[in-house]
Amino acid sequence: MTATAATTALAEFRAVFADEAAFRAWYDRVLPYVYSFVASRCGGSGPLAEELTQQTFVEATRRHSTFDGRSDVLTWLCAIARHKLADHYRRLERDERRRMRLVVREIQVAHDMSPATDERDAIERALGELPAAQRAALIFRHVDGLSVREIATLLGKSDTAVESLLARARQGFRSAYEDHGRD
C-alpha cells in the first residue's frame, strides 16, 4: 500500500466512526468477511463464531483510533479476530486443566472411600503415570462411558484427536499396568 493510499484509507476509516450511517454501511460490508474468517477457524458457523465475531467488532470499535492505515482494514480486523480466537482457545485449555484436576480429585475421593486392593493400586499407579489429557480421556471413556464425541466436546478437541489420545492412553496404560503388576 502506498503512503497516499494508506492516508486515504485511514481518513476513510476514521470517517466511518464519525457517522452512524457510515458505520452501519461499513459494518454490513465487512461483517461477512470477518464472520467467515472466524467460523472457518472455530469449527464452523454457530454461536461461537457469532460471539467471537461480536467480540472482534467490539474490540475494533474500542481501538479504532489505533488503526494506522498501514494495512487494509479487513486485515486489521482479522488480526483482532485471530487474537480473540487465541484467547478462546487459551480459555478452553485452562478449563480443560480445571476439569482434569476435578477428575483426579474425584478418583482420589473414590479411592479413599473403598478398600484398597493390589489391582486397584496398580491401576491407579498406571493411570497416574499417564499425561493428564490421556488420563482424562481414558477415564471419561471407560469409567464414565462417554462417547468419543462427548469426550471431544469436554476436552475441546476434534473426534480424531480424541481417538488418537485414547489410543496413546491405552498403550501407555497397558505398559504402565504391566510394569506395576510385576511389583
Protein backbone atom coordinates (compact mmCIF):
# COMPACT_ATOMS: atom_id res chain seq x y z
CA MET A 1 0.00 0.00 0.00
CA THR A 2 1.47 3.37 -0.99
CA ALA A 3 1.70 6.23 1.50
CA THR A 4 -1.03 8.16 -0.32
CA ALA A 5 -3.33 5.14 -0.43
CA ALA A 6 -2.67 4.47 3.25
CA THR A 7 -3.51 8.06 4.17
CA THR A 8 -6.71 7.89 2.12
CA ALA A 9 -7.70 4.54 3.66
CA LEU A 10 -7.02 5.91 7.13
CA ALA A 11 -9.14 9.01 6.51
CA GLU A 12 -11.98 6.87 5.14
CA PHE A 13 -11.77 4.53 8.12
CA ARG A 14 -11.86 7.38 10.63
CA ALA A 15 -14.89 8.82 8.84
CA VAL A 16 -16.70 5.53 9.46
CA PHE A 17 -16.62 6.21 13.21
CA ALA A 18 -17.77 9.81 12.83
CA ASP A 19 -21.18 8.96 11.38
CA GLU A 20 -23.65 6.28 12.44
CA ALA A 21 -24.93 5.63 8.90
CA ALA A 22 -21.37 5.31 7.60
CA PHE A 23 -20.51 2.93 10.43
CA ARG A 24 -23.58 0.79 9.69
CA ALA A 25 -22.74 0.60 5.98
CA TRP A 26 -19.11 -0.30 6.76
CA TYR A 27 -20.17 -2.89 9.36
CA ASP A 28 -22.66 -4.51 6.97
CA ARG A 29 -19.96 -4.67 4.27
CA VAL A 30 -17.14 -6.22 6.37
CA LEU A 31 -19.16 -8.39 8.78
CA PRO A 32 -19.50 -11.38 6.41
CA TYR A 33 -15.73 -11.46 5.81
CA VAL A 34 -14.84 -11.35 9.49
CA TYR A 35 -17.52 -13.92 10.35
CA SER A 36 -16.25 -16.28 7.63
CA PHE A 37 -12.69 -15.86 8.89
CA VAL A 38 -13.72 -16.72 12.45
CA ALA A 39 -16.13 -19.53 11.52
CA SER A 40 -13.50 -21.28 9.40
CA ARG A 41 -11.16 -21.37 12.39
CA CYS A 42 -13.51 -22.38 15.18
CA GLY A 43 -15.29 -25.37 13.75
CA GLY A 44 -17.90 -23.73 11.56
CA SER A 45 -20.72 -21.29 11.90
CA GLY A 46 -22.76 -21.10 15.04
CA PRO A 47 -22.92 -19.38 18.39
CA LEU A 48 -19.15 -19.49 18.97
CA ALA A 49 -18.37 -17.86 15.62
CA GLU A 50 -21.03 -15.24 16.26
CA GLU A 51 -19.69 -14.49 19.73
CA LEU A 52 -16.08 -14.20 18.58
CA THR A 53 -17.11 -12.01 15.65
CA GLN A 54 -19.01 -9.75 18.01
CA GLN A 55 -16.00 -9.55 20.32
CA THR A 56 -13.84 -8.64 17.32
CA PHE A 57 -16.06 -5.70 16.39
CA VAL A 58 -16.33 -4.52 19.99
CA GLU A 59 -12.54 -4.53 20.24
CA ALA A 60 -12.16 -2.83 16.85
CA THR A 61 -14.60 -0.12 17.90
CA ARG A 62 -12.75 0.33 21.16
CA ARG A 63 -9.36 0.51 19.43
CA HIS A 64 -10.27 2.19 16.14
CA SER A 65 -8.07 5.17 16.97
CA THR A 66 -5.01 2.88 17.00
CA PHE A 67 -5.52 1.83 13.37
CA ASP A 68 -2.66 3.45 11.48
CA GLY A 69 -3.64 2.62 7.89
CA ARG A 70 -0.53 0.57 7.12
CA SER A 71 -2.71 -2.44 6.36
CA ASP A 72 -6.13 -2.97 4.92
CA VAL A 73 -8.93 -2.53 7.48
CA LEU A 74 -10.09 -6.09 6.87
CA THR A 75 -6.56 -7.39 7.57
CA TRP A 76 -6.58 -5.41 10.84
CA LEU A 77 -9.99 -6.85 11.78
CA CYS A 78 -8.82 -10.39 11.02
CA ALA A 79 -5.77 -9.83 13.24
CA ILE A 80 -8.09 -8.79 16.07
CA ALA A 81 -10.27 -11.84 15.37
CA ARG A 82 -7.18 -14.08 15.46
CA HIS A 83 -6.36 -12.73 18.93
CA LYS A 84 -9.95 -13.37 20.05
CA LEU A 85 -9.66 -16.95 18.76
CA ALA A 86 -6.39 -17.42 20.62
CA ASP A 87 -7.99 -16.06 23.81
CA HIS A 88 -10.85 -18.51 23.33
CA TYR A 89 -8.53 -21.49 22.89
CA ARG A 90 -6.47 -20.45 25.91
CA ARG A 91 -9.68 -20.32 27.98
CA LEU A 92 -10.59 -23.79 26.72
CA GLU A 93 -7.18 -25.09 27.75
CA ARG A 94 -7.50 -23.54 31.24
CA ASP A 95 -10.98 -25.04 31.60
CA GLU A 96 -9.64 -28.39 30.45
CA ARG A 97 -6.94 -28.33 33.10
CA ARG A 98 -9.52 -27.43 35.78
CA ARG A 99 -11.79 -30.30 34.69
CA MET A 100 -8.87 -32.72 34.78
CA ARG A 101 -7.95 -31.62 38.30
CA LEU A 102 -11.56 -32.23 39.35
CA VAL A 103 -11.50 -35.70 37.79
CA VAL A 104 -8.29 -36.53 39.63
CA ARG A 105 -9.84 -35.34 42.91
CA GLU A 106 -12.94 -37.46 42.25
CA ILE A 107 -10.74 -40.51 41.66
CA GLN A 108 -8.86 -39.81 44.87
CA VAL A 109 -12.12 -39.45 46.84
CA ALA A 110 -13.46 -42.68 45.34
CA HIS A 111 -10.22 -44.42 46.24
CA ASP A 112 -10.34 -43.13 49.82
CA MET A 113 -13.89 -44.46 50.22
CA SER A 114 -13.21 -48.02 49.07
CA PRO A 115 -10.89 -50.69 50.38
CA ALA A 116 -7.54 -50.76 48.60
CA THR A 117 -6.58 -53.82 46.64
CA ASP A 118 -3.35 -54.67 44.88
CA GLU A 119 -5.05 -54.50 41.49
CA ARG A 120 -6.71 -51.16 42.24
CA ASP A 121 -3.37 -49.75 43.40
CA ALA A 122 -1.71 -50.97 40.20
CA ILE A 123 -4.49 -49.37 38.12
CA GLU A 124 -4.18 -46.07 39.96
CA ARG A 125 -0.40 -46.05 39.64
CA ALA A 126 -0.67 -46.82 35.92
CA LEU A 127 -3.25 -44.05 35.45
CA GLY A 128 -1.08 -41.68 37.44
CA GLU A 129 1.80 -42.18 35.02
CA LEU A 130 -0.26 -41.04 32.04
CA PRO A 131 -0.26 -37.41 30.93
CA ALA A 132 -3.33 -35.59 32.26
CA ALA A 133 -5.11 -35.37 28.89
CA GLN A 134 -4.66 -39.11 28.25
CA ARG A 135 -5.75 -39.98 31.78
CA ALA A 136 -8.87 -37.81 31.46
CA ALA A 137 -9.80 -39.25 28.07
CA LEU A 138 -9.34 -42.82 29.32
CA ILE A 139 -11.42 -42.20 32.43
CA PHE A 140 -14.17 -40.39 30.51
CA ARG A 141 -14.33 -43.29 28.02
CA HIS A 142 -14.01 -46.34 30.25
CA VAL A 143 -15.21 -45.16 33.66
CA ASP A 144 -17.88 -42.65 32.66
CA GLY A 145 -18.80 -44.45 29.43
CA LEU A 146 -18.74 -41.29 27.31
CA SER A 147 -18.56 -41.45 23.54
CA VAL A 148 -15.59 -40.09 21.60
CA ARG A 149 -17.73 -37.14 20.51
CA GLU A 150 -18.73 -36.33 24.12
CA ILE A 151 -15.09 -36.52 25.20
CA ALA A 152 -14.07 -34.28 22.31
CA THR A 153 -16.63 -31.70 23.41
CA LEU A 154 -15.45 -31.87 27.02
CA LEU A 155 -11.79 -31.55 26.12
CA GLY A 156 -12.25 -29.04 23.30
CA LYS A 157 -10.62 -31.36 20.75
CA SER A 158 -11.70 -32.96 17.50
CA ASP A 159 -13.06 -36.52 17.40
CA THR A 160 -9.91 -37.64 15.56
CA ALA A 161 -7.66 -36.02 18.18
CA VAL A 162 -9.57 -37.81 20.96
CA GLU A 163 -9.32 -41.16 19.17
CA SER A 164 -5.57 -40.65 18.87
CA LEU A 165 -5.37 -39.55 22.51
CA LEU A 166 -7.28 -42.68 23.58
CA ALA A 167 -5.01 -44.95 21.53
CA ARG A 168 -1.91 -43.45 23.16
CA ALA A 169 -3.58 -43.60 26.57
CA ARG A 170 -4.46 -47.28 26.20
CA GLN A 171 -0.93 -48.12 25.09
CA GLY A 172 0.63 -46.10 27.91
CA PHE A 173 -1.76 -47.55 30.48
CA ARG A 174 -1.13 -51.11 29.30
CA SER A 175 2.63 -50.65 29.56
CA ALA A 176 2.48 -48.96 32.98
CA TYR A 177 -0.01 -51.51 34.32
CA GLU A 178 2.17 -54.42 33.25
CA ASP A 179 5.14 -52.79 34.98
CA HIS A 180 3.17 -52.29 38.22
CA GLY A 181 1.65 -55.74 38.03
CA ARG A 182 5.15 -57.21 38.35
CA ASP A 183 5.96 -55.18 41.52
